[in-house]
Amino acid sequence: MRITKLVIKNYRSFDSVGQEILFPAVHSALVGKNNAGKTNIFNALNLVLGNKNPAYLRFEEDDYFDSSQPIEIQVLISDITATDKSQIFSIPNLTKQQQGALNSKISDGTADITFLLRKNYEYIPPDDSDEESESSQDAFEIKLWGFSVFRKKEDARKSVIKMLMVPAIRDYQDELSASKWTAYGQLMKEVLENSPHYSDIKTDLSNLNIKIQQVFETEKTKLLEGARIVSYVDDISFQLTKDNSPSELLRNLEIFITEGSKKFNIEYVGTGTQSAIIIGILELALKNKSSKIKLFCIEEPEAFIHPHGIRYLGSLIKNISKDQNTQILVSTHSLSLTANFSPNEIIRVDKIDGKTVIKQDISISNTHFRRFIHQDNAEIFFSDRVLFIEGSTEKHLFGNLDKLTKLNPVDPNSINCNFDRINLGVIKLDSVDSIVNYVTIAKAFGIPYSAIVDRDFIDDPSKQNKCKELCLEVGAIYQVSDKTKLISDLKSKNIVVNSKGEIEDIFSNQEIANITGKQIVDIQVVKSKHAKTSNAFKEIFSVGKAEYAIVIADFYSQNDQTHPLDDIIRKIYNNNILNISI
């Protein structure tokens, strides 16, 4: 059983038109900038499916995007098995019509649940119901395929599916307390009650309660004498739990960490350790196949965890969701964690004009595009704009020099054209042949893009097919017989062809001499030996591409000079691609 679709309307940053979110896999990642609406998505799910924590049952005026319209949250659940139906969908107080409709619908393995919250709402029960009409300032309504089955949100939250949520801001006091409201508390309850030792613990607890009763047996007589004077009291007893339930003791369960010879309460260890323990307890709880936890939402699971731990966490999430039949949704700002997901498993959450907008494409082939998403370029999903460049030289030049652009006397406001200020990502292609794939991903997620490619992309016969593919993808006309027209047509689609050849060809011999301290004549001799300027640079600088790019960047950062890429950087920064001249 898993959620396959979520529709949110009029809730917080989601307007009355609403947004549809699809979940094609058992694990998905929400990515996007802060305050884009990722937390609102998890909170919307928690409204319908979460626990009964009073903190999530209170509503403010700001929870309505438009206070004149109802909040509407629709959840489509698929792959419902007979076991799921018997364990989860134990919905009370249904009319015969509703129960019949429910049974027939769930028999096909799906359930369509709509949660409505209306202000100043009058509830009118179905004709065959014995319920009375009811008015409320804020009223809940749960619908199954259009049948109104709940007026109390908690009825649905405890009947339909079990969801746990770990918020982004977490510490020992909040999330590692064994409260029935916390994910930790609920997970530990799962672990305990599904343990083969549970019956033994229950027996031991019963015996312990008997001993406690014996301790107070004499004293309770005096207590009863006083109590009976002022009230009707038949007896009094003392025990650790109400029903000899070991689970009731969990609120007193604390975690201790041992380092060497020292033992610490987990309250005093790092937040990274605390986060890792929450994830570890999740894995432990879900090892039991009978677990009723079907949806687990974690905000920023990478918080306070080192890079290797984050990569391991990514594989752990995927393994848990695959092996334990539990759907896991994460929100993240981590490139390492994002790289663990395929493009069709990534949900980009954006905000435009104060409204949350969802951008995703579940049709993107997992097998075809998976290899293009890795730690070095997952930044694409977090960028407002991206610049695709070919290699290490461009990566270091554009990645460093954008911060070093000097003051333009004509445009004083253009000082410090820092790409990070405008959330522009510089994405290095694995090779120029992969540009079509990256452009496809950018388009699928609604990310504006531009690119700078070397001249050989249109001249080299071996790249002809890739050039044709790119033209087809961006809507340019491939004209091999008219390279000038082809370059112009590609530029109109934000693809800039470096007509000089490579990015190294932009730097004059004089500029190279200034950077290296070598004579121009010696530079000319080296260049004459190599067909490609990049190979000449390797010899002139005596280092590889990435290394001499760093040398160039450092030179211009340490000297108050305008560098050859200054104009190009400014035009990229100002989104003036059409006027770039190379």
Protein backbone atom coordinates (compact mmCIF):
# COMPACT_ATOMS: atom_id res chain seq x y z
CA MET A 1 0.00 0.00 0.00
CA ARG A 2 1.34 3.39 -0.93
CA ILE A 3 0.32 6.94 -1.79
CA THR A 4 0.41 7.59 -5.52
CA LYS A 5 -1.13 11.06 -5.72
CA LEU A 6 -1.59 14.08 -3.47
CA VAL A 7 -3.64 17.17 -4.37
CA ILE A 8 -3.44 20.24 -2.11
CA LYS A 9 -5.78 23.23 -2.47
CA ASN A 10 -6.01 26.42 -0.43
CA TYR A 11 -3.65 25.24 2.29
CA ARG A 12 -0.96 27.71 3.38
CA SER A 13 1.21 28.41 0.30
CA PHE A 14 -1.03 26.34 -2.01
CA ASP A 15 -3.69 28.46 -3.71
CA SER A 16 -7.32 27.49 -4.39
CA VAL A 17 -6.45 26.07 -7.81
CA GLY A 18 -4.09 23.67 -6.11
CA GLN A 19 -1.18 21.49 -7.12
CA GLU A 20 -0.97 17.79 -7.96
CA ILE A 21 1.96 15.71 -6.73
CA LEU A 22 2.63 12.22 -8.07
CA PHE A 23 4.61 9.51 -6.29
CA PRO A 24 5.63 6.86 -8.85
CA ALA A 25 7.98 5.04 -6.47
CA VAL A 26 8.09 3.91 -2.84
CA HIS A 27 10.71 6.58 -2.14
CA SER A 28 10.65 10.19 -3.28
CA ALA A 29 12.58 13.36 -2.53
CA LEU A 30 11.20 16.87 -2.24
CA VAL A 31 13.84 19.42 -3.23
CA GLY A 32 13.78 23.19 -3.41
CA LYS A 33 14.77 26.38 -1.66
CA ASN A 34 13.80 27.30 1.88
CA ASN A 35 10.18 28.40 2.30
CA ALA A 36 9.14 26.95 -1.04
CA GLY A 37 6.44 24.74 0.54
CA LYS A 38 8.10 21.38 1.26
CA THR A 39 7.05 21.40 4.91
CA ASN A 40 3.50 22.35 3.92
CA ILE A 41 3.32 19.16 1.81
CA PHE A 42 4.29 16.99 4.76
CA ASN A 43 1.90 18.86 7.05
CA ALA A 44 -0.93 18.35 4.55
CA LEU A 45 -0.29 14.60 4.57
CA ASN A 46 -0.10 14.69 8.34
CA LEU A 47 -3.50 16.36 8.52
CA VAL A 48 -5.13 13.41 6.80
CA LEU A 49 -2.97 10.50 7.88
CA GLY A 50 -0.83 11.52 10.85
CA ASN A 51 -1.24 10.90 14.57
CA LYS A 52 -3.55 12.83 16.83
CA ASN A 53 -0.95 15.21 18.21
CA PRO A 54 -2.94 18.24 19.37
CA ALA A 55 -0.26 20.46 17.83
CA TYR A 56 -1.52 19.42 14.40
CA LEU A 57 -5.20 19.84 15.17
CA ARG A 58 -5.13 23.60 15.63
CA PHE A 59 -5.81 25.94 12.74
CA GLU A 60 -5.10 29.60 12.27
CA GLU A 61 -6.35 32.11 9.76
CA ASP A 62 -3.04 31.87 7.90
CA ASP A 63 -3.61 28.15 7.24
CA TYR A 64 -6.15 29.21 4.60
CA PHE A 65 -4.65 30.69 1.43
CA ASP A 66 -8.13 32.15 0.82
CA SER A 67 -10.30 32.21 3.95
CA SER A 68 -13.47 32.22 1.85
CA GLN A 69 -12.60 28.81 0.38
CA PRO A 70 -12.23 25.40 2.10
CA ILE A 71 -8.93 23.65 2.55
CA GLU A 72 -8.98 20.53 0.39
CA ILE A 73 -6.43 17.72 0.52
CA GLN A 74 -6.92 14.66 -1.67
CA VAL A 75 -4.88 11.48 -1.23
CA LEU A 76 -4.98 8.55 -3.65
CA ILE A 77 -3.80 5.29 -2.10
CA SER A 78 -2.97 2.33 -4.36
CA ASP A 79 -1.74 -1.26 -4.09
CA ILE A 80 -4.07 -2.02 -1.16
CA THR A 81 -3.82 -5.69 -0.25
CA ALA A 82 -6.38 -7.77 1.62
CA THR A 83 -4.14 -7.53 4.71
CA ASP A 84 -3.94 -3.76 4.37
CA LYS A 85 -7.70 -3.56 4.13
CA SER A 86 -8.27 -5.61 7.28
CA GLN A 87 -5.55 -3.90 9.32
CA ILE A 88 -5.78 -0.30 8.22
CA PHE A 89 -9.22 0.45 6.82
CA SER A 90 -11.17 -0.28 9.98
CA ILE A 91 -13.48 2.66 9.52
CA PRO A 92 -16.19 3.00 12.18
CA ASN A 93 -19.77 4.27 11.95
CA LEU A 94 -20.28 3.86 8.22
CA THR A 95 -23.77 3.59 6.81
CA LYS A 96 -24.61 0.47 4.80
CA GLN A 97 -24.38 2.49 1.59
CA GLN A 98 -20.96 3.82 2.54
CA GLN A 99 -19.64 0.43 3.64
CA GLY A 100 -20.83 -1.16 0.42
CA ALA A 101 -19.23 1.54 -1.68
CA LEU A 102 -16.03 1.31 0.33
CA ASN A 103 -15.76 -2.46 -0.04
CA SER A 104 -16.37 -2.35 -3.77
CA LYS A 105 -13.85 0.42 -4.33
CA ILE A 106 -11.08 -0.96 -2.17
CA SER A 107 -11.48 -4.33 -3.88
CA ASP A 108 -9.71 -2.86 -6.90
CA GLY A 109 -6.71 -1.94 -4.76
CA THR A 110 -7.22 1.82 -4.56
CA ALA A 111 -8.70 4.33 -2.15
CA ASP A 112 -9.49 7.98 -2.92
CA ILE A 113 -9.61 10.08 0.26
CA THR A 114 -10.47 13.76 0.33
CA PHE A 115 -10.00 15.86 3.44
CA LEU A 116 -11.96 19.11 3.68
CA LEU A 117 -11.71 21.83 6.28
CA ARG A 118 -14.29 24.58 6.03
CA LYS A 119 -14.72 27.72 8.09
CA ASN A 120 -18.19 28.44 9.45
CA TYR A 121 -19.38 25.08 8.15
CA GLU A 122 -22.72 23.38 8.71
CA TYR A 123 -22.56 19.59 8.52
CA ILE A 124 -25.60 17.95 6.95
CA PRO A 125 -25.59 14.15 7.38
CA PRO A 126 -26.65 11.67 4.65
CA ASP A 127 -30.35 10.79 4.37
CA ASP A 128 -29.89 7.26 5.75
CA SER A 129 -27.87 8.43 8.77
CA ASP A 130 -29.16 8.96 12.32
CA GLU A 131 -26.72 11.84 12.84
CA GLU A 132 -27.93 15.36 13.49
CA SER A 133 -26.90 18.52 11.66
CA GLU A 134 -24.06 20.37 13.28
CA SER A 135 -22.59 23.86 12.90
CA SER A 136 -19.00 24.66 13.66
CA GLN A 137 -16.57 27.51 13.22
CA ASP A 138 -14.10 25.07 11.69
CA ALA A 139 -15.46 21.73 10.54
CA PHE A 140 -13.67 18.72 9.12
CA GLU A 141 -15.07 16.40 6.53
CA ILE A 142 -13.48 13.22 5.21
CA LYS A 143 -14.76 11.80 1.94
CA LEU A 144 -14.21 8.39 0.35
CA TRP A 145 -15.12 8.57 -3.33
CA GLY A 146 -17.49 11.39 -2.54
CA PHE A 147 -19.13 9.76 0.49
CA SER A 148 -18.88 11.87 3.63
CA VAL A 149 -17.69 9.41 6.30
CA PHE A 150 -16.03 11.54 9.01
CA ARG A 151 -16.58 14.79 10.78
CA LYS A 152 -13.65 14.37 13.13
CA LYS A 153 -10.24 14.39 11.60
CA GLU A 154 -8.84 12.05 14.21
CA ASP A 155 -11.28 9.34 13.09
CA ALA A 156 -9.58 9.18 9.71
CA ARG A 157 -6.11 9.63 11.12
CA LYS A 158 -6.41 6.50 13.23
CA SER A 159 -8.36 4.43 10.71
CA VAL A 160 -6.94 4.81 7.23
CA ILE A 161 -3.16 4.51 7.22
CA LYS A 162 -0.35 4.88 9.74
CA MET A 163 2.00 7.76 8.99
CA LEU A 164 4.95 9.04 10.97
CA MET A 165 6.66 12.38 10.45
CA VAL A 166 10.01 13.64 11.72
CA PRO A 167 10.24 17.45 11.47
CA ALA A 168 13.34 19.33 10.36
CA ILE A 169 13.94 21.05 13.69
CA ARG A 170 14.58 18.21 16.07
CA ASP A 171 16.42 17.71 19.31
CA TYR A 172 16.40 15.31 22.19
CA GLN A 173 13.68 17.06 24.11
CA ASP A 174 11.28 17.00 21.17
CA GLU A 175 11.87 14.02 18.93
CA LEU A 176 13.81 11.59 21.11
CA SER A 177 11.35 11.72 23.96
CA ALA A 178 9.17 8.64 24.07
CA SER A 179 5.94 10.59 23.89
CA LYS A 180 3.08 8.98 22.01
CA TRP A 181 3.13 12.04 19.76
CA THR A 182 6.74 11.68 18.56
CA ALA A 183 8.01 9.46 15.77
CA TYR A 184 10.55 8.01 18.21
CA GLY A 185 7.87 7.13 20.74
CA GLN A 186 5.67 5.46 18.16
CA LEU A 187 8.58 3.57 16.60
CA MET A 188 9.75 2.26 19.95
CA LYS A 189 6.21 1.09 20.66
CA GLU A 190 6.29 -0.81 17.35
CA VAL A 191 9.63 -2.39 18.24
CA LEU A 192 8.49 -3.40 21.70
CA GLU A 193 5.07 -4.79 20.84
CA ASN A 194 6.39 -6.82 17.91
CA SER A 195 9.29 -8.25 19.87
CA PRO A 196 9.23 -12.01 20.70
CA HIS A 197 10.13 -10.95 24.26
CA TYR A 198 7.01 -8.83 24.67
CA SER A 199 4.98 -11.52 26.44
CA ASP A 200 7.86 -12.18 28.85
CA ILE A 201 8.14 -8.46 29.62
CA LYS A 202 4.41 -8.31 30.19
CA THR A 203 4.60 -11.21 32.66
CA ASP A 204 7.55 -9.60 34.45
CA LEU A 205 5.67 -6.30 34.65
CA SER A 206 2.63 -8.04 36.10
CA ASN A 207 4.78 -9.67 38.78
CA LEU A 208 6.44 -6.32 39.52
CA ASN A 209 3.07 -4.64 39.93
CA ILE A 210 2.06 -7.37 42.40
CA LYS A 211 5.17 -6.62 44.49
CA ILE A 212 4.41 -2.90 44.39
CA GLN A 213 0.90 -3.62 45.62
CA GLN A 214 2.37 -5.62 48.49
CA VAL A 215 4.64 -2.70 49.45
CA PHE A 216 1.66 -0.38 49.83
CA GLU A 217 -0.81 -2.95 51.17
CA THR A 218 -0.60 -1.73 54.78
CA GLU A 219 -0.41 1.99 53.97
CA LYS A 220 -3.40 1.98 51.63
CA THR A 221 -5.76 1.13 54.52
CA LYS A 222 -5.04 4.50 56.12
CA LEU A 223 -5.46 6.25 52.77
CA LEU A 224 -8.83 4.63 52.21
CA GLU A 225 -10.10 5.63 55.64
CA GLY A 226 -9.46 9.28 54.87
CA ALA A 227 -10.73 9.09 51.30
CA ARG A 228 -14.02 7.42 52.31
CA ILE A 229 -14.85 10.31 54.59
CA VAL A 230 -15.09 12.76 51.70
CA SER A 231 -15.84 10.51 48.71
CA TYR A 232 -17.14 7.14 47.52
CA VAL A 233 -13.98 5.08 47.19
CA ASP A 234 -14.10 1.30 47.21
CA ASP A 235 -10.40 0.52 46.84
CA ILE A 236 -7.04 1.99 45.85
CA SER A 237 -4.11 0.33 44.10
CA PHE A 238 -0.60 1.22 42.99
CA GLN A 239 0.95 -0.02 39.77
CA LEU A 240 3.40 1.13 37.12
CA THR A 241 0.97 0.91 34.22
CA LYS A 242 -2.78 0.98 33.88
CA ASP A 243 -3.26 -2.33 32.06
CA ASN A 244 0.05 -4.06 32.73
CA SER A 245 1.12 -2.76 29.32
CA PRO A 246 4.90 -2.50 28.85
CA SER A 247 4.32 0.13 26.15
CA GLU A 248 3.07 2.55 28.77
CA LEU A 249 6.53 2.56 30.34
CA LEU A 250 8.17 3.91 27.18
CA ARG A 251 7.67 7.51 28.25
CA ASN A 252 10.34 6.84 30.88
CA LEU A 253 12.72 5.14 28.43
CA GLU A 254 15.93 7.09 27.87
CA ILE A 255 18.87 6.49 25.52
CA PHE A 256 22.49 6.49 26.67
CA ILE A 257 25.59 6.62 24.47
CA THR A 258 28.90 5.08 25.54
CA GLU A 259 32.17 6.56 24.27
CA GLY A 260 35.17 4.76 25.66
CA SER A 261 34.69 4.56 29.42
CA LYS A 262 32.14 7.39 29.57
CA LYS A 263 28.38 7.10 29.36
CA PHE A 264 26.22 10.03 28.21
CA ASN A 265 22.51 10.67 28.01
CA ILE A 266 21.75 11.24 24.33
CA GLU A 267 20.64 14.74 25.25
CA TYR A 268 24.33 15.64 25.52
CA VAL A 269 25.62 14.20 22.23
CA GLY A 270 25.65 15.87 18.85
CA THR A 271 22.50 16.47 16.83
CA GLY A 272 23.97 14.36 14.03
CA THR A 273 24.03 11.34 16.34
CA GLN A 274 20.48 12.07 17.43
CA SER A 275 19.29 12.25 13.79
CA ALA A 276 21.08 9.02 12.91
CA ILE A 277 19.47 7.21 15.85
CA ILE A 278 15.98 8.24 14.71
CA ILE A 279 16.69 6.74 11.27
CA GLY A 280 18.20 3.64 12.86
CA ILE A 281 15.13 3.11 15.04
CA LEU A 282 13.00 3.42 11.92
CA GLU A 283 14.95 0.60 10.28
CA LEU A 284 14.62 -1.47 13.43
CA ALA A 285 10.87 -0.94 13.67
CA LEU A 286 10.25 -1.77 10.04
CA LYS A 287 12.16 -5.03 10.12
CA ASN A 288 8.97 -6.49 11.49
CA LYS A 289 6.81 -7.37 8.48
CA SER A 290 3.63 -6.81 10.44
CA SER A 291 4.42 -3.16 11.05
CA LYS A 292 1.43 -0.92 10.40
CA ILE A 293 3.66 2.02 9.52
CA LYS A 294 3.06 2.55 5.80
CA LEU A 295 4.26 6.12 5.29
CA PHE A 296 7.30 7.77 6.83
CA CYS A 297 8.10 11.44 6.14
CA ILE A 298 11.45 12.87 7.16
CA GLU A 299 12.39 16.52 6.82
CA GLU A 300 16.08 17.04 6.06
CA PRO A 301 17.34 13.64 7.27
CA GLU A 302 20.85 14.78 6.32
CA ALA A 303 20.84 17.45 9.06
CA PHE A 304 24.08 17.46 11.02
CA ILE A 305 25.37 14.29 9.36
CA HIS A 306 28.78 14.12 7.63
CA PRO A 307 28.99 13.42 3.84
CA HIS A 308 29.72 9.68 4.07
CA GLY A 309 26.87 9.29 6.51
CA ILE A 310 24.54 11.12 4.12
CA ARG A 311 25.41 8.82 1.23
CA TYR A 312 24.84 5.78 3.45
CA LEU A 313 21.57 7.31 4.61
CA GLY A 314 20.43 7.62 0.99
CA SER A 315 21.01 3.92 0.31
CA LEU A 316 19.41 3.00 3.67
CA ILE A 317 16.23 4.90 2.81
CA LYS A 318 15.93 3.12 -0.52
CA ASN A 319 16.60 -0.30 1.00
CA ILE A 320 14.07 0.20 3.79
CA SER A 321 11.33 1.30 1.42
CA LYS A 322 12.07 -1.57 -0.94
CA ASP A 323 12.39 -4.36 1.63
CA GLN A 324 9.85 -3.34 4.26
CA ASN A 325 6.89 -2.28 2.13
CA THR A 326 6.97 1.21 3.62
CA GLN A 327 6.83 4.40 1.59
CA ILE A 328 9.44 7.00 2.55
CA LEU A 329 9.31 10.66 1.58
CA VAL A 330 12.16 13.01 2.38
CA SER A 331 12.72 16.70 1.93
CA THR A 332 16.32 17.69 1.45
CA HIS A 333 18.84 20.39 0.57
CA SER A 334 21.64 17.85 0.22
CA LEU A 335 23.21 17.21 -3.18
CA SER A 336 24.59 13.89 -1.92
CA LEU A 337 21.18 12.68 -0.79
CA THR A 338 19.41 13.94 -3.92
CA ALA A 339 21.88 12.01 -6.05
CA ASN A 340 20.47 8.77 -4.58
CA PHE A 341 17.16 9.38 -6.36
CA SER A 342 16.28 9.00 -10.01
CA PRO A 343 14.88 12.07 -11.81
CA ASN A 344 11.38 10.59 -11.87
CA GLU A 345 11.57 10.21 -8.05
CA ILE A 346 12.48 13.87 -7.51
CA ILE A 347 9.79 16.47 -6.83
CA ARG A 348 10.93 20.05 -7.28
CA VAL A 349 9.05 22.45 -5.02
CA ASP A 350 9.17 26.06 -6.16
CA LYS A 351 7.40 29.26 -5.20
CA ILE A 352 6.18 31.76 -7.79
CA ASP A 353 4.41 34.95 -6.77
CA GLY A 354 3.94 33.60 -3.26
CA LYS A 355 2.34 30.34 -4.45
CA THR A 356 3.87 26.87 -4.23
CA VAL A 357 4.35 25.24 -7.62
CA ILE A 358 5.21 21.58 -8.17
CA LYS A 359 7.53 20.60 -11.00
CA GLN A 360 8.18 16.96 -11.80
CA ASP A 361 8.16 14.48 -14.67
CA ILE A 362 7.50 10.85 -13.82
CA SER A 363 7.88 9.84 -17.47
CA ILE A 364 11.65 10.41 -17.45
CA SER A 365 13.27 7.04 -17.98
CA ASN A 366 14.98 5.82 -14.85
CA THR A 367 17.49 3.66 -16.74
CA HIS A 368 18.32 6.36 -19.29
CA PHE A 369 18.70 9.39 -17.02
CA ARG A 370 19.79 7.89 -13.70
CA ARG A 371 23.52 8.10 -14.52
CA PHE A 372 23.36 11.83 -15.20
CA ILE A 373 22.38 12.68 -11.62
CA HIS A 374 25.29 12.61 -9.19
CA GLN A 375 26.69 14.72 -6.39
CA ASP A 376 28.57 17.07 -8.73
CA ASN A 377 25.52 18.18 -10.70
CA ALA A 378 22.45 17.51 -8.51
CA GLU A 379 22.56 21.27 -7.95
CA ILE A 380 20.41 21.56 -11.07
CA PHE A 381 17.28 20.72 -9.04
CA PHE A 382 17.92 23.57 -6.58
CA SER A 383 18.73 26.28 -9.14
CA ASP A 384 16.52 29.02 -10.52
CA ARG A 385 18.67 28.99 -13.67
CA VAL A 386 21.48 26.76 -14.89
CA LEU A 387 24.46 27.24 -17.16
CA PHE A 388 25.72 24.08 -18.83
CA ILE A 389 29.44 24.08 -19.61
CA GLU A 390 31.66 21.41 -21.14
CA GLY A 391 34.59 20.71 -18.87
CA SER A 392 36.75 21.35 -15.85
CA THR A 393 38.27 24.51 -17.31
CA GLU A 394 34.91 26.22 -17.69
CA LYS A 395 33.74 24.92 -14.32
CA HIS A 396 36.62 26.57 -12.48
CA LEU A 397 36.60 29.74 -14.57
CA PHE A 398 32.89 30.42 -14.35
CA GLY A 399 32.68 29.02 -10.85
CA ASN A 400 35.32 31.44 -9.57
CA LEU A 401 35.39 34.45 -11.84
CA ASP A 402 31.70 35.20 -11.45
CA LYS A 403 32.56 36.38 -7.92
CA LEU A 404 35.45 38.51 -9.14
CA THR A 405 33.88 40.56 -11.88
CA LYS A 406 35.15 44.11 -11.64
CA LEU A 407 33.14 47.30 -11.49
CA ASN A 408 31.72 48.29 -14.83
CA PRO A 409 31.80 52.12 -15.12
CA VAL A 410 28.76 51.98 -17.39
CA ASP A 411 26.76 49.85 -14.97
CA PRO A 412 27.84 50.46 -11.34
CA ASN A 413 25.21 48.00 -10.11
CA SER A 414 26.89 45.14 -11.92
CA ILE A 415 29.79 44.85 -9.50
CA ASN A 416 30.18 41.35 -8.10
CA CYS A 417 28.11 39.35 -10.56
CA ASN A 418 27.93 36.42 -8.18
CA PHE A 419 25.94 33.56 -9.67
CA ASP A 420 24.99 32.38 -6.19
CA ARG A 421 23.16 35.67 -5.57
CA ILE A 422 20.67 34.77 -8.29
CA ASN A 423 20.67 31.01 -7.60
CA LEU A 424 22.32 30.20 -10.93
CA GLY A 425 23.99 26.79 -11.03
CA VAL A 426 27.05 26.11 -13.19
CA ILE A 427 26.64 22.48 -14.27
CA LYS A 428 29.58 20.64 -15.84
CA LEU A 429 28.50 18.16 -18.46
CA ASP A 430 29.93 14.66 -18.22
CA SER A 431 30.77 15.26 -21.89
CA VAL A 432 29.29 17.53 -24.51
CA ASP A 433 27.44 14.47 -25.85
CA SER A 434 25.30 14.50 -22.69
CA ILE A 435 24.01 18.04 -23.18
CA VAL A 436 20.76 16.74 -24.70
CA ASN A 437 20.07 14.71 -21.56
CA TYR A 438 20.70 17.64 -19.24
CA VAL A 439 18.57 19.99 -21.32
CA THR A 440 15.77 17.40 -21.21
CA ILE A 441 15.99 17.26 -17.40
CA ALA A 442 16.02 21.07 -17.11
CA LYS A 443 12.94 21.37 -19.32
CA ALA A 444 11.13 18.60 -17.44
CA PHE A 445 11.54 20.47 -14.16
CA GLY A 446 10.85 23.92 -15.56
CA ILE A 447 14.38 25.18 -14.99
CA PRO A 448 15.54 27.93 -17.39
CA TYR A 449 18.87 26.98 -18.96
CA SER A 450 21.67 28.25 -21.16
CA ALA A 451 24.83 26.56 -22.38
CA ILE A 452 28.28 27.32 -23.78
CA VAL A 453 29.82 24.65 -26.02
CA ASP A 454 33.03 24.46 -28.00
CA ARG A 455 33.08 24.97 -31.74
CA ASP A 456 33.83 21.30 -32.41
CA PHE A 457 30.30 20.43 -31.28
CA ILE A 458 29.06 21.60 -34.69
CA ASP A 459 32.25 20.94 -36.71
CA ASP A 460 33.25 17.44 -35.59
CA PRO A 461 31.49 14.80 -37.75
CA SER A 462 31.50 12.38 -34.79
CA LYS A 463 29.25 14.80 -32.86
CA GLN A 464 26.84 15.36 -35.73
CA ASN A 465 24.12 13.08 -34.38
CA LYS A 466 24.26 14.68 -30.92
CA CYS A 467 24.06 18.14 -32.47
CA LYS A 468 20.99 17.04 -34.42
CA GLU A 469 19.41 15.66 -31.22
CA LEU A 470 20.04 18.93 -29.40
CA CYS A 471 18.51 20.95 -32.23
CA LEU A 472 15.45 18.72 -32.15
CA GLU A 473 15.16 19.00 -28.35
CA VAL A 474 15.40 22.81 -28.21
CA GLY A 475 13.55 23.52 -31.47
CA ALA A 476 16.52 24.75 -33.53
CA ILE A 477 17.04 23.98 -37.21
CA TYR A 478 20.05 21.79 -37.92
CA GLN A 479 21.84 23.23 -40.98
CA VAL A 480 25.20 21.53 -41.46
CA SER A 481 25.74 23.41 -44.74
CA ASP A 482 25.41 26.84 -43.07
CA LYS A 483 27.35 26.87 -39.80
CA THR A 484 26.79 30.59 -39.28
CA LYS A 485 23.02 30.10 -39.45
CA LEU A 486 23.28 27.05 -37.16
CA ILE A 487 25.26 29.04 -34.57
CA SER A 488 22.71 31.86 -34.73
CA ASP A 489 19.76 29.49 -34.45
CA LEU A 490 21.27 27.71 -31.44
CA LYS A 491 21.98 31.03 -29.71
CA SER A 492 18.32 31.95 -30.12
CA LYS A 493 17.63 28.84 -27.99
CA ASN A 494 20.20 29.92 -25.36
CA ILE A 495 22.93 27.57 -26.65
CA VAL A 496 26.11 29.62 -27.28
CA VAL A 497 28.70 28.09 -29.59
CA ASN A 498 32.23 29.35 -29.00
CA SER A 499 33.17 30.30 -32.56
CA LYS A 500 36.83 30.77 -31.49
CA GLY A 501 37.08 27.08 -30.63
CA GLU A 502 37.69 26.36 -26.93
CA ILE A 503 37.31 28.60 -23.88
CA GLU A 504 41.15 28.77 -23.79
CA ASP A 505 41.12 30.52 -27.17
CA ILE A 506 39.52 33.59 -25.57
CA PHE A 507 42.75 34.36 -23.72
CA SER A 508 45.32 36.26 -25.84
CA ASN A 509 49.03 35.46 -25.85
CA GLN A 510 49.65 38.69 -23.94
CA GLU A 511 47.20 37.65 -21.22
CA ILE A 512 48.82 34.23 -20.96
CA ALA A 513 52.22 35.93 -20.67
CA ASN A 514 50.91 38.17 -17.88
CA ILE A 515 49.62 35.15 -15.95
CA THR A 516 52.61 32.83 -16.45
CA GLY A 517 55.50 35.32 -16.72
CA LYS A 518 56.62 33.62 -19.94
CA GLN A 519 57.61 35.31 -23.18
CA ILE A 520 55.01 35.68 -25.91
CA VAL A 521 57.35 34.12 -28.47
CA ASP A 522 57.72 31.00 -26.30
CA ILE A 523 53.95 30.79 -25.93
CA GLN A 524 53.57 31.01 -29.71
CA VAL A 525 56.05 28.18 -30.21
CA VAL A 526 54.14 25.88 -27.85
CA LYS A 527 50.81 26.73 -29.47
CA SER A 528 52.21 25.92 -32.93
CA LYS A 529 52.88 22.34 -31.81
CA HIS A 530 49.26 21.63 -30.75
CA ALA A 531 46.05 21.51 -32.73
CA LYS A 532 44.01 22.31 -29.61
CA THR A 533 44.77 25.29 -27.40
CA SER A 534 43.84 23.30 -24.28
CA ASN A 535 46.73 20.90 -24.97
CA ALA A 536 49.05 23.87 -25.43
CA PHE A 537 47.89 25.28 -22.09
CA LYS A 538 48.81 22.02 -20.37
CA GLU A 539 52.38 22.43 -21.59
CA ILE A 540 52.58 26.18 -20.94
CA PHE A 541 51.24 25.90 -17.38
CA SER A 542 52.78 22.42 -16.78
CA VAL A 543 49.50 21.25 -15.16
CA GLY A 544 46.12 19.80 -16.22
CA LYS A 545 42.95 21.65 -17.28
CA ALA A 546 41.43 22.06 -13.84
CA GLU A 547 44.76 23.18 -12.37
CA TYR A 548 45.54 25.89 -14.95
CA ALA A 549 41.95 27.13 -14.69
CA ILE A 550 42.54 27.65 -10.96
CA VAL A 551 45.82 29.46 -11.70
CA ILE A 552 43.97 31.80 -14.09
CA ALA A 553 41.18 32.42 -11.60
CA ASP A 554 43.66 33.14 -8.81
CA PHE A 555 45.59 35.57 -11.01
CA TYR A 556 42.57 37.71 -11.76
CA SER A 557 41.37 37.58 -8.16
CA GLN A 558 44.71 38.87 -6.91
CA ASN A 559 45.19 41.55 -9.55
CA ASP A 560 42.88 44.44 -10.20
CA GLN A 561 42.35 43.65 -13.87
CA THR A 562 39.34 43.03 -16.04
CA HIS A 563 39.56 39.49 -17.33
CA PRO A 564 38.57 38.26 -20.81
CA LEU A 565 35.41 36.51 -19.53
CA ASP A 566 34.14 39.62 -17.76
CA ASP A 567 31.61 40.59 -20.44
CA ILE A 568 30.37 37.01 -20.90
CA ILE A 569 29.84 36.61 -17.15
CA ARG A 570 27.91 39.85 -16.92
CA LYS A 571 25.59 38.87 -19.74
CA ILE A 572 24.99 35.41 -18.24
CA TYR A 573 24.26 37.08 -14.88
CA ASN A 574 21.77 39.46 -16.48
CA ASN A 575 20.23 36.70 -18.61
CA ASN A 576 21.35 38.48 -21.75
CA ILE A 577 22.52 35.37 -23.58
CA LEU A 578 21.54 36.58 -27.04
CA ASN A 579 24.11 39.36 -26.90
CA ILE A 580 27.06 37.16 -25.94
CA SER A 581 29.70 37.28 -28.61
CA ILE A 582 32.45 34.67 -28.62
